[in-house]
PDB file of N, CA and C in Angstrom:
ATOM      1  N   MET A   1     207.902 203.824 202.256  1.00  0.00           N
ATOM      2  CA  MET A   1     209.387 204.066 201.921  1.00  0.00           C
ATOM      3  C   MET A   1     209.753 205.245 201.730  1.00  0.00           C
ATOM      4  N   SER A   2     211.079 205.523 202.375  1.00  0.00           N
ATOM      5  CA  SER A   2     211.768 206.740 202.225  1.00  0.00           C
ATOM      6  C   SER A   2     212.319 206.886 200.870  1.00  0.00           C
ATOM      7  N   VAL A   3     212.523 208.594 200.631  1.00  0.00           N
ATOM      8  CA  VAL A   3     213.419 208.869 199.269  1.00  0.00           C
ATOM      9  C   VAL A   3     214.829 208.168 199.407  1.00  0.00           C
ATOM     10  N   ALA A   4     215.325 208.281 200.522  1.00  0.00           N
ATOM     11  CA  ALA A   4     216.727 207.538 200.527  1.00  0.00           C
ATOM     12  C   ALA A   4     216.989 206.244 200.578  1.00  0.00           C
ATOM     13  N   THR A   5     215.676 205.419 201.002  1.00  0.00           N
ATOM     14  CA  THR A   5     215.820 203.969 200.510  1.00  0.00           C
ATOM     15  C   THR A   5     215.211 203.674 199.399  1.00  0.00           C
ATOM     16  N   ALA A   6     214.676 204.560 198.878  1.00  0.00           N
ATOM     17  CA  ALA A   6     214.388 204.240 197.166  1.00  0.00           C
ATOM     18  C   ALA A   6     215.597 204.275 196.346  1.00  0.00           C
ATOM     19  N   VAL A   7     216.144 205.747 196.683  1.00  0.00           N
ATOM     20  CA  VAL A   7     217.744 205.887 195.830  1.00  0.00           C
ATOM     21  C   VAL A   7     218.693 204.652 196.268  1.00  0.00           C
ATOM     22  N   GLU A   8     218.780 204.261 197.384  1.00  0.00           N
ATOM     23  CA  GLU A   8     219.727 203.219 197.616  1.00  0.00           C
ATOM     24  C   GLU A   8     219.252 201.805 196.668  1.00  0.00           C
ATOM     25  N   GLN A   9     218.052 201.726 196.827  1.00  0.00           N
ATOM     26  CA  GLN A   9     217.568 200.272 196.084  1.00  0.00           C
ATOM     27  C   GLN A   9     217.798 200.813 194.598  1.00  0.00           C
ATOM     28  N   GLN A  10     217.595 201.729 194.155  1.00  0.00           N
ATOM     29  CA  GLN A  10     217.757 202.114 192.647  1.00  0.00           C
ATOM     30  C   GLN A  10     219.360 202.023 192.328  1.00  0.00           C
ATOM     31  N   SER A  11     220.097 202.522 192.962  1.00  0.00           N
ATOM     32  CA  SER A  11     221.776 202.186 193.115  1.00  0.00           C
ATOM     33  C   SER A  11     222.091 201.183 193.047  1.00  0.00           C
ATOM     34  N   VAL A  12     221.480 200.278 194.074  1.00  0.00           N
ATOM     35  CA  VAL A  12     222.046 198.662 194.031  1.00  0.00           C
ATOM     36  C   VAL A  12     221.480 198.056 192.590  1.00  0.00           C
ATOM     37  N   THR A  13     220.091 198.341 192.327  1.00  0.00           N
ATOM     38  CA  THR A  13     219.662 197.699 190.886  1.00  0.00           C
ATOM     39  C   THR A  13     220.516 198.311 189.643  1.00  0.00           C
ATOM     40  N   THR A  14     221.015 199.541 189.804  1.00  0.00           N
ATOM     41  CA  THR A  14     221.701 200.327 188.665  1.00  0.00           C
ATOM     42  C   THR A  14     223.167 199.310 188.718  1.00  0.00           C
ATOM     43  N   GLN A  15     223.788 199.192 189.943  1.00  0.00           N
ATOM     44  CA  GLN A  15     224.899 198.390 190.088  1.00  0.00           C
ATOM     45  C   GLN A  15     224.997 196.951 189.452  1.00  0.00           C
ATOM     46  N   ASP A  16     223.757 196.352 189.969  1.00  0.00           N
ATOM     47  CA  ASP A  16     223.499 194.998 189.226  1.00  0.00           C
ATOM     48  C   ASP A  16     223.383 194.939 187.806  1.00  0.00           C
ATOM     49  N   ILE A  17     222.579 195.893 187.173  1.00  0.00           N
ATOM     50  CA  ILE A  17     222.675 195.927 185.699  1.00  0.00           C
ATOM     51  C   ILE A  17     224.111 196.221 184.866  1.00  0.00           C
ATOM     52  N   ALA A  18     224.957 197.123 185.857  1.00  0.00           N
ATOM     53  CA  ALA A  18     225.967 197.415 185.180  1.00  0.00           C
ATOM     54  C   ALA A  18     226.896 196.095 185.164  1.00  0.00           C
ATOM     55  N   ARG A  19     226.855 195.288 186.268  1.00  0.00           N
ATOM     56  CA  ARG A  19     227.439 194.002 186.493  1.00  0.00           C
ATOM     57  C   ARG A  19     227.218 193.058 185.352  1.00  0.00           C
ATOM     58  N   SER A  20     225.699 192.985 185.280  1.00  0.00           N
ATOM     59  CA  SER A  20     225.310 192.066 184.233  1.00  0.00           C
ATOM     60  C   SER A  20     225.812 192.238 182.799  1.00  0.00           C
ATOM     61  N   ALA A  21     225.766 193.888 182.469  1.00  0.00           N
ATOM     62  CA  ALA A  21     226.082 194.341 181.182  1.00  0.00           C
ATOM     63  C   ALA A  21     227.424 193.483 180.945  1.00  0.00           C
ATOM     64  N   GLU A  22     228.540 193.898 182.034  1.00  0.00           N
ATOM     65  CA  GLU A  22     229.969 193.530 182.087  1.00  0.00           C
ATOM     66  C   GLU A  22     230.082 192.112 181.747  1.00  0.00           C
ATOM     67  N   THR A  23     229.173 191.317 182.482  1.00  0.00           N
ATOM     68  CA  THR A  23     229.400 189.747 182.228  1.00  0.00           C
ATOM     69  C   THR A  23     228.974 189.812 180.695  1.00  0.00           C
ATOM     70  N   LEU A  24     227.931 190.293 180.387  1.00  0.00           N
ATOM     71  CA  LEU A  24     227.420 190.000 178.916  1.00  0.00           C
ATOM     72  C   LEU A  24     228.634 190.310 178.055  1.00  0.00           C
ATOM     73  N   ARG A  25     229.090 191.536 178.397  1.00  0.00           N
ATOM     74  CA  ARG A  25     230.015 192.083 177.329  1.00  0.00           C
ATOM     75  C   ARG A  25     231.278 191.053 177.388  1.00  0.00           C
ATOM     76  N   ASP A  26     231.604 190.369 178.338  1.00  0.00           N
ATOM     77  CA  ASP A  26     232.719 189.557 178.435  1.00  0.00           C
ATOM     78  C   ASP A  26     232.472 188.123 177.793  1.00  0.00           C
ATOM     79  N   THR A  27     231.152 187.625 177.989  1.00  0.00           N
ATOM     80  CA  THR A  27     230.979 186.562 177.061  1.00  0.00           C
ATOM     81  C   THR A  27     230.618 186.561 175.710  1.00  0.00           C
ATOM     82  N   VAL A  28     230.310 187.823 175.289  1.00  0.00           N
ATOM     83  CA  VAL A  28     230.271 188.070 173.746  1.00  0.00           C
ATOM     84  C   VAL A  28     231.608 188.099 173.233  1.00  0.00           C
ATOM     85  N   ILE A  29     232.882 188.981 173.999  1.00  0.00           N
ATOM     86  CA  ILE A  29     233.949 188.960 173.502  1.00  0.00           C
ATOM     87  C   ILE A  29     234.505 187.331 173.321  1.00  0.00           C
ATOM     88  N   SER A  30     234.431 186.647 174.474  1.00  0.00           N
ATOM     89  CA  SER A  30     234.935 185.321 174.552  1.00  0.00           C
ATOM     90  C   SER A  30     234.255 184.463 173.424  1.00  0.00           C
ATOM     91  N   ASP A  31     232.890 184.570 172.994  1.00  0.00           N
ATOM     92  CA  ASP A  31     232.426 183.860 172.193  1.00  0.00           C
ATOM     93  C   ASP A  31     232.959 184.307 170.617  1.00  0.00           C
ATOM     94  N   LYS A  32     233.055 185.515 170.606  1.00  0.00           N
ATOM     95  CA  LYS A  32     233.657 186.079 169.366  1.00  0.00           C
ATOM     96  C   LYS A  32     235.035 185.560 169.228  1.00  0.00           C
ATOM     97  N   ASP A  33     235.775 185.334 170.128  1.00  0.00           N
ATOM     98  CA  ASP A  33     237.317 184.735 169.858  1.00  0.00           C
ATOM     99  C   ASP A  33     237.228 183.615 169.502  1.00  0.00           C
ATOM    100  N   LYS A  34     236.118 182.661 170.235  1.00  0.00           N
ATOM    101  CA  LYS A  34     236.008 181.042 169.777  1.00  0.00           C
ATOM    102  C   LYS A  34     235.505 180.956 168.583  1.00  0.00           C
ATOM    103  N   VAL A  35     234.488 181.915 168.042  1.00  0.00           N
ATOM    104  CA  VAL A  35     234.090 181.969 166.361  1.00  0.00           C
ATOM    105  C   VAL A  35     235.125 182.067 165.525  1.00  0.00           C
ATOM    106  N   GLU A  36     236.028 183.206 165.720  1.00  0.00           N
ATOM    107  CA  GLU A  36     237.134 183.254 165.058  1.00  0.00           C
ATOM    108  C   GLU A  36     238.195 182.250 164.941  1.00  0.00           C
ATOM    109  N   ALA A  37     238.431 181.588 166.050  1.00  0.00           N
ATOM    110  CA  ALA A  37     239.464 180.281 166.188  1.00  0.00           C
ATOM    111  C   ALA A  37     238.628 179.159 165.284  1.00  0.00           C
ATOM    112  N   LEU A  38     237.252 179.147 165.658  1.00  0.00           N
ATOM    113  CA  LEU A  38     236.753 178.085 164.788  1.00  0.00           C
ATOM    114  C   LEU A  38     236.980 178.160 163.324  1.00  0.00           C
ATOM    115  N   ALA A  39     236.643 179.586 162.754  1.00  0.00           N
ATOM    116  CA  ALA A  39     236.736 179.795 161.613  1.00  0.00           C
ATOM    117  C   ALA A  39     237.923 179.725 160.809  1.00  0.00           C
ATOM    118  N   GLN A  40     239.125 179.911 161.491  1.00  0.00           N
ATOM    119  CA  GLN A  40     240.700 179.557 161.283  1.00  0.00           C
ATOM    120  C   GLN A  40     240.702 178.057 161.073  1.00  0.00           C
ATOM    121  N   GLU A  41     240.203 177.258 162.157  1.00  0.00           N
ATOM    122  CA  GLU A  41     240.370 175.846 161.865  1.00  0.00           C
ATOM    123  C   GLU A  41     239.556 175.170 160.696  1.00  0.00           C
ATOM    124  N   ALA A  42     238.382 175.897 160.589  1.00  0.00           N
ATOM    125  CA  ALA A  42     237.584 175.391 159.250  1.00  0.00           C
ATOM    126  C   ALA A  42     238.331 175.536 157.929  1.00  0.00           C
ATOM    127  N   ASN A  43     238.961 176.866 157.892  1.00  0.00           N
ATOM    128  CA  ASN A  43     239.639 177.124 156.872  1.00  0.00           C
ATOM    129  C   ASN A  43     241.022 176.033 156.774  1.00  0.00           C
ATOM    130  N   ALA A  44     241.852 175.788 157.860  1.00  0.00           N
ATOM    131  CA  ALA A  44     242.816 174.831 157.814  1.00  0.00           C
ATOM    132  C   ALA A  44     242.092 173.463 157.147  1.00  0.00           C
ATOM    133  N   VAL A  45     241.242 172.977 157.609  1.00  0.00           N
ATOM    134  CA  VAL A  45     240.518 171.883 157.408  1.00  0.00           C
ATOM    135  C   VAL A  45     240.145 171.874 155.738  1.00  0.00           C
ATOM    136  N   SER A  46     239.760 172.899 155.287  1.00  0.00           N
ATOM    137  CA  SER A  46     239.098 172.964 153.923  1.00  0.00           C
ATOM    138  C   SER A  46     240.537 173.020 153.000  1.00  0.00           C
ATOM    139  N   LYS A  47     241.710 173.607 153.453  1.00  0.00           N
ATOM    140  CA  LYS A  47     243.191 173.741 152.761  1.00  0.00           C
ATOM    141  C   LYS A  47     243.361 172.358 152.730  1.00  0.00           C
ATOM    142  N   ALA A  48     243.347 171.479 153.984  1.00  0.00           N
ATOM    143  CA  ALA A  48     243.889 170.202 153.921  1.00  0.00           C
ATOM    144  C   ALA A  48     243.176 169.173 152.853  1.00  0.00           C
ATOM    145  N   SER A  49     241.731 169.488 152.975  1.00  0.00           N
ATOM    146  CA  SER A  49     240.790 168.656 152.379  1.00  0.00           C
ATOM    147  C   SER A  49     240.990 168.984 150.513  1.00  0.00           C
ATOM    148  N   THR A  50     241.587 170.048 150.422  1.00  0.00           N
ATOM    149  CA  THR A  50     241.708 170.578 148.907  1.00  0.00           C
ATOM    150  C   THR A  50     243.033 169.852 148.670  1.00  0.00           C
ATOM    151  N   SER A  51     243.737 169.978 149.208  1.00  0.00           N
ATOM    152  CA  SER A  51     245.321 169.228 149.235  1.00  0.00           C
ATOM    153  C   SER A  51     245.117 167.695 148.985  1.00  0.00           C
ATOM    154  N   MET A  52     244.450 167.231 149.853  1.00  0.00           N
ATOM    155  CA  MET A  52     244.011 165.719 149.829  1.00  0.00           C
ATOM    156  C   MET A  52     243.482 165.154 148.606  1.00  0.00           C
ATOM    157  N   ALA A  53     242.478 166.223 148.271  1.00  0.00           N
ATOM    158  CA  ALA A  53     242.037 165.903 146.611  1.00  0.00           C
ATOM    159  C   ALA A  53     242.769 165.751 145.844  1.00  0.00           C
ATOM    160  N   GLN A  54     243.737 166.924 145.782  1.00  0.00           N
ATOM    161  CA  GLN A  54     244.717 167.140 144.694  1.00  0.00           C
ATOM    162  C   GLN A  54     245.745 165.963 144.789  1.00  0.00           C
ATOM    163  N   SER A  55     245.969 165.488 145.960  1.00  0.00           N
ATOM    164  CA  SER A  55     247.013 164.296 146.026  1.00  0.00           C
ATOM    165  C   SER A  55     246.199 163.187 145.358  1.00  0.00           C
ATOM    166  N   ILE A  56     244.949 162.700 145.630  1.00  0.00           N
ATOM    167  CA  ILE A  56     244.217 161.458 145.448  1.00  0.00           C
ATOM    168  C   ILE A  56     244.126 161.637 143.795  1.00  0.00           C
ATOM    169  N   ALA A  57     243.718 162.950 143.250  1.00  0.00           N
ATOM    170  CA  ALA A  57     243.771 162.950 142.008  1.00  0.00           C
ATOM    171  C   ALA A  57     244.943 162.398 140.863  1.00  0.00           C
ATOM    172  N   HIS A  58     245.735 162.625 141.678  1.00  0.00           N
ATOM    173  CA  HIS A  58     247.363 162.243 140.969  1.00  0.00           C
ATOM    174  C   HIS A  58     247.158 160.613 140.627  1.00  0.00           C
ATOM    175  N   PHE A  59     246.599 159.769 141.539  1.00  0.00           N
ATOM    176  CA  PHE A  59     246.389 158.499 141.592  1.00  0.00           C
ATOM    177  C   PHE A  59     245.436 157.696 140.480  1.00  0.00           C
ATOM    178  N   LYS A  60     244.496 158.858 140.108  1.00  0.00           N
ATOM    179  CA  LYS A  60     243.435 158.350 139.129  1.00  0.00           C
ATOM    180  C   LYS A  60     243.799 158.295 137.508  1.00  0.00           C
TER     181      LYS A  60
END
């Protein structure tokens, strides 16, 4: 194998690693956004549950 071939293969591998890292970064950002949205929904459900419990308490 020539040095030029080795350098070319290394370049291709480096580019593949960079693409994989970018894909991973995009996935992490997407997952983070989904977790934040889920947390907001969980908070809304918790508030609704508390409100319902208070409303039900009035009937006891």
